[in-house]
N, C-alpha and C. Protein backbone atom coordinates (compact mmCIF):
# COMPACT_ATOMS: atom_id res chain seq x y z
N UNK A 1 4.91 11.49 -12.08
CA UNK A 1 5.76 11.31 -10.90
C UNK A 1 6.67 10.12 -11.12
N UNK A 2 7.90 10.27 -10.70
CA UNK A 2 8.82 9.15 -10.84
C UNK A 2 8.80 8.27 -9.59
N UNK A 3 9.32 7.08 -9.74
CA UNK A 3 9.30 6.10 -8.66
C UNK A 3 10.08 6.58 -7.44
N UNK A 4 11.20 7.25 -7.66
CA UNK A 4 12.00 7.74 -6.53
C UNK A 4 11.20 8.72 -5.67
N UNK A 5 10.43 9.58 -6.30
CA UNK A 5 9.62 10.54 -5.55
C UNK A 5 8.50 9.83 -4.78
N UNK A 6 7.92 8.80 -5.39
CA UNK A 6 6.88 8.03 -4.71
C UNK A 6 7.45 7.31 -3.49
N UNK A 7 8.62 6.73 -3.67
CA UNK A 7 9.29 6.05 -2.55
C UNK A 7 9.59 7.04 -1.42
N UNK A 8 10.05 8.21 -1.78
CA UNK A 8 10.36 9.22 -0.76
C UNK A 8 9.12 9.60 0.03
N UNK A 9 7.98 9.71 -0.64
CA UNK A 9 6.73 10.02 0.08
C UNK A 9 6.35 8.89 1.02
N UNK A 10 6.56 7.65 0.61
CA UNK A 10 6.27 6.51 1.49
C UNK A 10 7.18 6.53 2.70
N UNK A 11 8.46 6.84 2.50
CA UNK A 11 9.40 6.89 3.62
C UNK A 11 9.05 8.02 4.59
N UNK A 12 8.63 9.15 4.05
CA UNK A 12 8.23 10.26 4.92
C UNK A 12 6.96 9.90 5.70
N UNK A 13 6.01 9.24 5.03
CA UNK A 13 4.79 8.83 5.71
C UNK A 13 5.11 7.87 6.86
N UNK A 14 6.06 6.96 6.63
CA UNK A 14 6.44 5.96 7.63
C UNK A 14 6.78 6.60 8.98
N UNK A 15 7.35 7.79 8.92
CA UNK A 15 7.72 8.50 10.15
C UNK A 15 6.52 8.85 11.02
N UNK A 16 5.32 8.82 10.43
CA UNK A 16 4.10 9.18 11.17
C UNK A 16 3.29 7.95 11.60
N UNK A 17 3.82 6.76 11.36
CA UNK A 17 3.11 5.53 11.73
C UNK A 17 2.86 5.48 13.23
N UNK A 18 1.79 4.80 13.59
CA UNK A 18 1.47 4.58 15.00
C UNK A 18 1.63 3.09 15.26
N UNK A 19 2.80 2.69 15.76
CA UNK A 19 3.12 1.28 15.95
C UNK A 19 3.74 1.02 17.32
N UNK A 20 3.00 1.36 18.41
CA UNK A 20 3.58 1.22 19.75
C UNK A 20 3.73 -0.23 20.21
N UNK A 21 3.11 -1.19 19.54
CA UNK A 21 3.15 -2.58 19.99
C UNK A 21 4.16 -3.40 19.19
N UNK A 22 4.09 -3.33 17.89
CA UNK A 22 5.02 -4.11 17.06
C UNK A 22 6.32 -3.37 16.80
N UNK A 23 6.27 -2.06 16.91
CA UNK A 23 7.42 -1.21 16.57
C UNK A 23 7.84 -1.42 15.11
N UNK A 24 6.90 -1.82 14.28
CA UNK A 24 7.14 -2.06 12.86
C UNK A 24 6.39 -0.99 12.07
N UNK A 25 7.03 0.14 11.88
CA UNK A 25 6.41 1.28 11.20
C UNK A 25 6.43 1.06 9.69
N UNK A 26 5.30 1.37 9.07
CA UNK A 26 5.15 1.22 7.62
C UNK A 26 4.50 2.48 7.07
N UNK A 27 5.02 2.93 5.93
CA UNK A 27 4.42 4.05 5.21
C UNK A 27 4.13 3.61 3.79
N UNK A 28 3.06 4.15 3.23
CA UNK A 28 2.70 3.83 1.85
C UNK A 28 2.36 5.11 1.11
N UNK A 29 2.68 5.11 -0.18
CA UNK A 29 2.31 6.22 -1.06
C UNK A 29 1.70 5.61 -2.32
N UNK A 30 0.46 5.98 -2.59
CA UNK A 30 -0.32 5.41 -3.68
C UNK A 30 -0.49 6.44 -4.78
N UNK A 31 -0.05 6.11 -5.98
CA UNK A 31 -0.14 7.00 -7.13
C UNK A 31 -1.39 6.66 -7.94
N UNK A 32 -2.22 7.67 -8.18
CA UNK A 32 -3.44 7.47 -8.96
C UNK A 32 -3.18 7.79 -10.43
N UNK A 33 -4.07 7.33 -11.29
CA UNK A 33 -3.94 7.60 -12.71
C UNK A 33 -3.97 9.11 -12.99
N UNK A 34 -4.67 9.87 -12.15
CA UNK A 34 -4.76 11.33 -12.33
C UNK A 34 -3.48 12.04 -11.89
N UNK A 35 -2.54 11.30 -11.31
CA UNK A 35 -1.26 11.88 -10.89
C UNK A 35 -1.20 12.30 -9.44
N UNK A 36 -2.29 12.12 -8.71
CA UNK A 36 -2.29 12.47 -7.29
C UNK A 36 -1.67 11.33 -6.47
N UNK A 37 -1.11 11.68 -5.33
CA UNK A 37 -0.52 10.69 -4.43
C UNK A 37 -1.24 10.77 -3.09
N UNK A 38 -1.60 9.62 -2.58
CA UNK A 38 -2.25 9.51 -1.27
C UNK A 38 -1.37 8.63 -0.39
N UNK A 39 -1.13 9.09 0.82
CA UNK A 39 -0.27 8.33 1.72
C UNK A 39 -1.09 7.66 2.80
N UNK A 40 -0.44 6.70 3.45
CA UNK A 40 -1.05 6.01 4.57
C UNK A 40 0.04 5.48 5.47
N UNK A 41 -0.31 5.24 6.71
CA UNK A 41 0.60 4.63 7.68
C UNK A 41 -0.15 3.53 8.41
N UNK A 42 0.60 2.59 8.97
CA UNK A 42 -0.08 1.60 9.79
C UNK A 42 -0.49 2.25 11.11
N UNK A 43 -1.67 1.87 11.57
CA UNK A 43 -2.22 2.38 12.82
C UNK A 43 -2.59 1.18 13.67
N UNK A 44 -1.80 0.95 14.71
CA UNK A 44 -2.03 -0.20 15.58
C UNK A 44 -3.05 0.14 16.67
N UNK A 45 -3.55 -0.92 17.29
CA UNK A 45 -4.55 -0.78 18.34
C UNK A 45 -4.25 -1.83 19.41
N UNK A 46 -4.54 -1.50 20.65
CA UNK A 46 -4.33 -2.45 21.74
C UNK A 46 -5.11 -3.74 21.51
N UNK A 47 -6.24 -3.65 20.83
CA UNK A 47 -6.97 -4.82 20.37
C UNK A 47 -6.42 -5.15 18.99
N UNK A 48 -5.39 -5.97 18.95
CA UNK A 48 -4.55 -6.15 17.76
C UNK A 48 -5.32 -6.33 16.45
N UNK A 49 -6.42 -7.02 16.49
CA UNK A 49 -7.19 -7.27 15.27
C UNK A 49 -7.74 -6.01 14.62
N UNK A 50 -7.73 -4.92 15.34
CA UNK A 50 -8.25 -3.66 14.79
C UNK A 50 -7.17 -2.82 14.13
N UNK A 51 -5.96 -3.30 14.12
CA UNK A 51 -4.86 -2.61 13.46
C UNK A 51 -5.13 -2.53 11.96
N UNK A 52 -4.75 -1.41 11.35
CA UNK A 52 -4.92 -1.22 9.91
C UNK A 52 -3.56 -0.95 9.28
N UNK A 53 -3.31 -1.60 8.16
CA UNK A 53 -2.03 -1.46 7.45
C UNK A 53 -1.96 -0.15 6.67
N UNK A 54 -0.74 0.29 6.41
CA UNK A 54 -0.49 1.53 5.68
C UNK A 54 -1.09 1.50 4.27
N UNK A 55 -0.98 0.37 3.60
CA UNK A 55 -1.47 0.27 2.24
C UNK A 55 -2.98 0.50 2.17
N UNK A 56 -3.70 -0.10 3.10
CA UNK A 56 -5.16 0.06 3.10
C UNK A 56 -5.54 1.49 3.47
N UNK A 57 -4.80 2.10 4.40
CA UNK A 57 -5.08 3.50 4.74
C UNK A 57 -4.91 4.39 3.51
N UNK A 58 -3.85 4.16 2.74
CA UNK A 58 -3.63 4.95 1.52
C UNK A 58 -4.78 4.75 0.53
N UNK A 59 -5.21 3.51 0.34
CA UNK A 59 -6.33 3.24 -0.57
C UNK A 59 -7.59 3.93 -0.07
N UNK A 60 -7.88 3.82 1.22
CA UNK A 60 -9.10 4.42 1.76
C UNK A 60 -9.06 5.94 1.62
N UNK A 61 -7.88 6.54 1.81
CA UNK A 61 -7.74 7.99 1.62
C UNK A 61 -8.02 8.37 0.17
N UNK A 62 -7.50 7.60 -0.76
CA UNK A 62 -7.71 7.88 -2.19
C UNK A 62 -9.18 7.73 -2.57
N UNK A 63 -9.80 6.66 -2.12
CA UNK A 63 -11.20 6.43 -2.44
C UNK A 63 -12.08 7.52 -1.84
N UNK A 64 -11.75 7.94 -0.63
CA UNK A 64 -12.50 9.02 0.01
C UNK A 64 -12.44 10.30 -0.82
N UNK A 65 -11.33 10.51 -1.51
CA UNK A 65 -11.16 11.70 -2.36
C UNK A 65 -11.75 11.51 -3.76
N UNK A 66 -12.35 10.35 -4.00
CA UNK A 66 -13.00 10.11 -5.29
C UNK A 66 -12.15 9.38 -6.32
N UNK A 67 -10.96 8.95 -5.95
CA UNK A 67 -10.08 8.24 -6.88
C UNK A 67 -10.42 6.75 -6.90
N UNK A 68 -10.32 6.16 -8.09
CA UNK A 68 -10.59 4.72 -8.24
C UNK A 68 -9.58 4.01 -9.12
N UNK A 69 -8.69 4.75 -9.77
CA UNK A 69 -7.72 4.14 -10.68
C UNK A 69 -6.31 4.39 -10.15
N UNK A 70 -5.62 3.29 -9.82
CA UNK A 70 -4.30 3.37 -9.21
C UNK A 70 -3.24 2.79 -10.13
N UNK A 71 -2.10 3.45 -10.17
CA UNK A 71 -1.00 3.07 -11.04
C UNK A 71 0.08 2.31 -10.28
N UNK A 72 0.44 2.83 -9.10
CA UNK A 72 1.55 2.24 -8.34
C UNK A 72 1.39 2.54 -6.86
N UNK A 73 2.00 1.70 -6.05
CA UNK A 73 2.07 1.95 -4.61
C UNK A 73 3.49 1.63 -4.16
N UNK A 74 4.05 2.54 -3.38
CA UNK A 74 5.36 2.32 -2.75
C UNK A 74 5.13 2.09 -1.27
N UNK A 75 5.82 1.11 -0.73
CA UNK A 75 5.66 0.74 0.67
C UNK A 75 7.04 0.76 1.32
N UNK A 76 7.18 1.54 2.39
CA UNK A 76 8.46 1.67 3.08
C UNK A 76 8.36 1.05 4.47
N UNK A 77 9.30 0.16 4.77
CA UNK A 77 9.38 -0.44 6.10
C UNK A 77 10.85 -0.72 6.40
N UNK A 78 11.13 -1.11 7.61
CA UNK A 78 12.52 -1.35 8.00
C UNK A 78 13.18 -2.45 7.18
N UNK A 79 12.38 -3.43 6.74
CA UNK A 79 12.96 -4.56 6.02
C UNK A 79 12.44 -4.73 4.59
N UNK A 80 11.69 -3.77 4.09
CA UNK A 80 11.19 -3.86 2.71
C UNK A 80 10.15 -4.94 2.51
N UNK A 81 9.30 -5.14 3.50
CA UNK A 81 8.29 -6.20 3.43
C UNK A 81 7.28 -5.92 2.33
N UNK A 82 6.80 -6.99 1.72
CA UNK A 82 5.73 -6.88 0.73
C UNK A 82 4.39 -6.78 1.46
N UNK A 83 3.34 -6.35 0.76
CA UNK A 83 2.03 -6.19 1.41
C UNK A 83 1.47 -7.52 1.94
N UNK A 84 0.74 -7.45 3.03
CA UNK A 84 0.08 -8.64 3.57
C UNK A 84 -1.05 -9.06 2.63
N UNK A 85 -1.60 -10.22 2.88
CA UNK A 85 -2.67 -10.74 2.04
C UNK A 85 -3.90 -9.86 2.00
N UNK A 86 -4.29 -9.31 3.14
CA UNK A 86 -5.47 -8.43 3.17
C UNK A 86 -5.24 -7.20 2.30
N UNK A 87 -4.05 -6.62 2.37
CA UNK A 87 -3.74 -5.44 1.55
C UNK A 87 -3.71 -5.80 0.08
N UNK A 88 -3.16 -6.95 -0.25
CA UNK A 88 -3.14 -7.38 -1.64
C UNK A 88 -4.56 -7.49 -2.18
N UNK A 89 -5.46 -8.04 -1.38
CA UNK A 89 -6.85 -8.19 -1.82
C UNK A 89 -7.52 -6.83 -2.00
N UNK A 90 -7.30 -5.90 -1.08
CA UNK A 90 -7.88 -4.57 -1.22
C UNK A 90 -7.33 -3.87 -2.46
N UNK A 91 -6.04 -3.95 -2.69
CA UNK A 91 -5.44 -3.34 -3.88
C UNK A 91 -6.00 -3.97 -5.15
N UNK A 92 -6.21 -5.28 -5.14
CA UNK A 92 -6.71 -5.99 -6.32
C UNK A 92 -8.09 -5.51 -6.74
N UNK A 93 -8.85 -5.00 -5.81
CA UNK A 93 -10.17 -4.46 -6.14
C UNK A 93 -10.07 -3.37 -7.21
N UNK A 94 -8.92 -2.74 -7.31
CA UNK A 94 -8.75 -1.60 -8.21
C UNK A 94 -7.83 -1.91 -9.39
N UNK A 95 -7.46 -3.16 -9.58
CA UNK A 95 -6.69 -3.55 -10.76
C UNK A 95 -5.42 -4.30 -10.44
N UNK A 96 -5.22 -5.37 -11.16
CA UNK A 96 -4.08 -6.25 -10.91
C UNK A 96 -2.81 -5.80 -11.63
N UNK A 97 -2.91 -4.77 -12.46
CA UNK A 97 -1.72 -4.31 -13.20
C UNK A 97 -0.91 -3.28 -12.42
N UNK A 98 -1.37 -2.94 -11.23
CA UNK A 98 -0.69 -1.93 -10.41
C UNK A 98 0.75 -2.37 -10.08
N UNK A 99 1.67 -1.41 -10.13
CA UNK A 99 3.05 -1.65 -9.74
C UNK A 99 3.14 -1.56 -8.22
N UNK A 100 3.76 -2.55 -7.60
CA UNK A 100 3.95 -2.59 -6.15
C UNK A 100 5.44 -2.54 -5.88
N UNK A 101 5.85 -1.54 -5.12
CA UNK A 101 7.27 -1.34 -4.82
C UNK A 101 7.45 -1.43 -3.31
N UNK A 102 8.37 -2.26 -2.87
CA UNK A 102 8.69 -2.36 -1.44
C UNK A 102 10.14 -1.91 -1.26
N UNK A 103 10.36 -1.06 -0.27
CA UNK A 103 11.70 -0.52 -0.05
C UNK A 103 12.02 -0.55 1.44
N UNK A 104 13.29 -0.83 1.74
CA UNK A 104 13.73 -0.76 3.14
C UNK A 104 14.43 0.57 3.38
N UNK A 105 14.95 0.77 4.56
CA UNK A 105 15.55 2.05 4.90
C UNK A 105 16.95 2.25 4.32
N UNK A 106 17.48 1.21 3.67
CA UNK A 106 18.76 1.33 2.96
C UNK A 106 18.55 1.48 1.46
N UNK A 107 17.32 1.75 1.07
CA UNK A 107 16.92 1.92 -0.32
C UNK A 107 17.05 0.66 -1.16
N UNK A 108 17.05 -0.49 -0.51
CA UNK A 108 16.99 -1.76 -1.24
C UNK A 108 15.53 -1.93 -1.67
N UNK A 109 15.32 -2.11 -2.98
CA UNK A 109 13.97 -2.09 -3.52
C UNK A 109 13.65 -3.39 -4.24
N UNK A 110 12.41 -3.82 -4.09
CA UNK A 110 11.86 -4.93 -4.89
C UNK A 110 10.57 -4.43 -5.51
N UNK A 111 10.21 -4.94 -6.67
CA UNK A 111 8.95 -4.52 -7.27
C UNK A 111 8.30 -5.67 -8.04
N UNK A 112 6.98 -5.59 -8.11
CA UNK A 112 6.17 -6.60 -8.77
C UNK A 112 4.96 -5.91 -9.39
N UNK A 113 4.28 -6.60 -10.25
CA UNK A 113 2.91 -6.26 -10.63
C UNK A 113 2.04 -6.96 -9.59
N UNK A 114 0.95 -6.33 -9.20
CA UNK A 114 0.08 -6.91 -8.17
C UNK A 114 -0.35 -8.32 -8.55
N UNK A 115 -0.58 -8.55 -9.82
CA UNK A 115 -1.00 -9.87 -10.26
C UNK A 115 0.01 -10.96 -9.88
N UNK A 116 1.29 -10.60 -9.81
CA UNK A 116 2.33 -11.55 -9.40
C UNK A 116 2.21 -11.88 -7.91
N UNK A 117 1.77 -10.91 -7.12
CA UNK A 117 1.65 -11.11 -5.67
C UNK A 117 0.33 -11.78 -5.27
N UNK A 118 -0.65 -11.71 -6.18
CA UNK A 118 -1.96 -12.29 -5.86
C UNK A 118 -2.51 -13.02 -7.09
N UNK A 119 -1.85 -14.14 -7.47
CA UNK A 119 -2.34 -14.87 -8.63
C UNK A 119 -3.70 -15.51 -8.34
N UNK A 120 -4.47 -15.69 -9.38
CA UNK A 120 -5.80 -16.30 -9.25
C UNK A 120 -6.64 -15.56 -8.20
N UNK A 121 -6.58 -14.26 -8.24
CA UNK A 121 -7.27 -13.45 -7.24
C UNK A 121 -8.79 -13.53 -7.35
N UNK A 122 -9.44 -13.22 -6.26
CA UNK A 122 -10.90 -13.11 -6.20
C UNK A 122 -11.25 -11.66 -6.44
N UNK A 123 -12.19 -11.40 -7.31
CA UNK A 123 -12.56 -10.02 -7.60
C UNK A 123 -14.01 -9.88 -7.98
N UNK A 124 -14.39 -8.68 -8.41
CA UNK A 124 -15.78 -8.42 -8.77
C UNK A 124 -16.32 -9.40 -9.82
N UNK A 125 -15.44 -9.86 -10.71
CA UNK A 125 -15.86 -10.80 -11.75
C UNK A 125 -16.30 -12.14 -11.17
N UNK A 126 -15.94 -12.43 -9.94
CA UNK A 126 -16.31 -13.70 -9.31
C UNK A 126 -17.65 -13.66 -8.60
N UNK A 127 -18.24 -12.49 -8.50
CA UNK A 127 -19.54 -12.35 -7.84
C UNK A 127 -20.67 -12.51 -8.84
N UNK A 128 -21.78 -13.09 -8.42
CA UNK A 128 -22.92 -13.23 -9.34
C UNK A 128 -23.44 -11.84 -9.74
N UNK A 129 -23.86 -11.75 -10.97
CA UNK A 129 -24.38 -10.47 -11.47
C UNK A 129 -25.82 -10.27 -11.11
């Protein structure tokens, strides 16, 4: 799958976001090593702390389907925001070499390797064996 197709899936997912409080809709499309794509949207809650980001929803959908190896994630929002810290940490669980692409609605794109967004990350290697 090419990056443009992944971005398009993230933008389409964004249309299904549930963001009645912030009005900040986000869609994510996560590409697995097997070539499958899993999408996610942010889902807000009146109890704000229970809101879940699009990136984590995409990861949870992929893991539920048995996937554990991720290649790239595209994130679509009105301003091309990068993932929040919690999402960066969840993504890091599955590898720091993942390509992270953020795009706005004018197709302005930025991209990083996850390791650039979360240097000196905490991971499984930091837990006692």
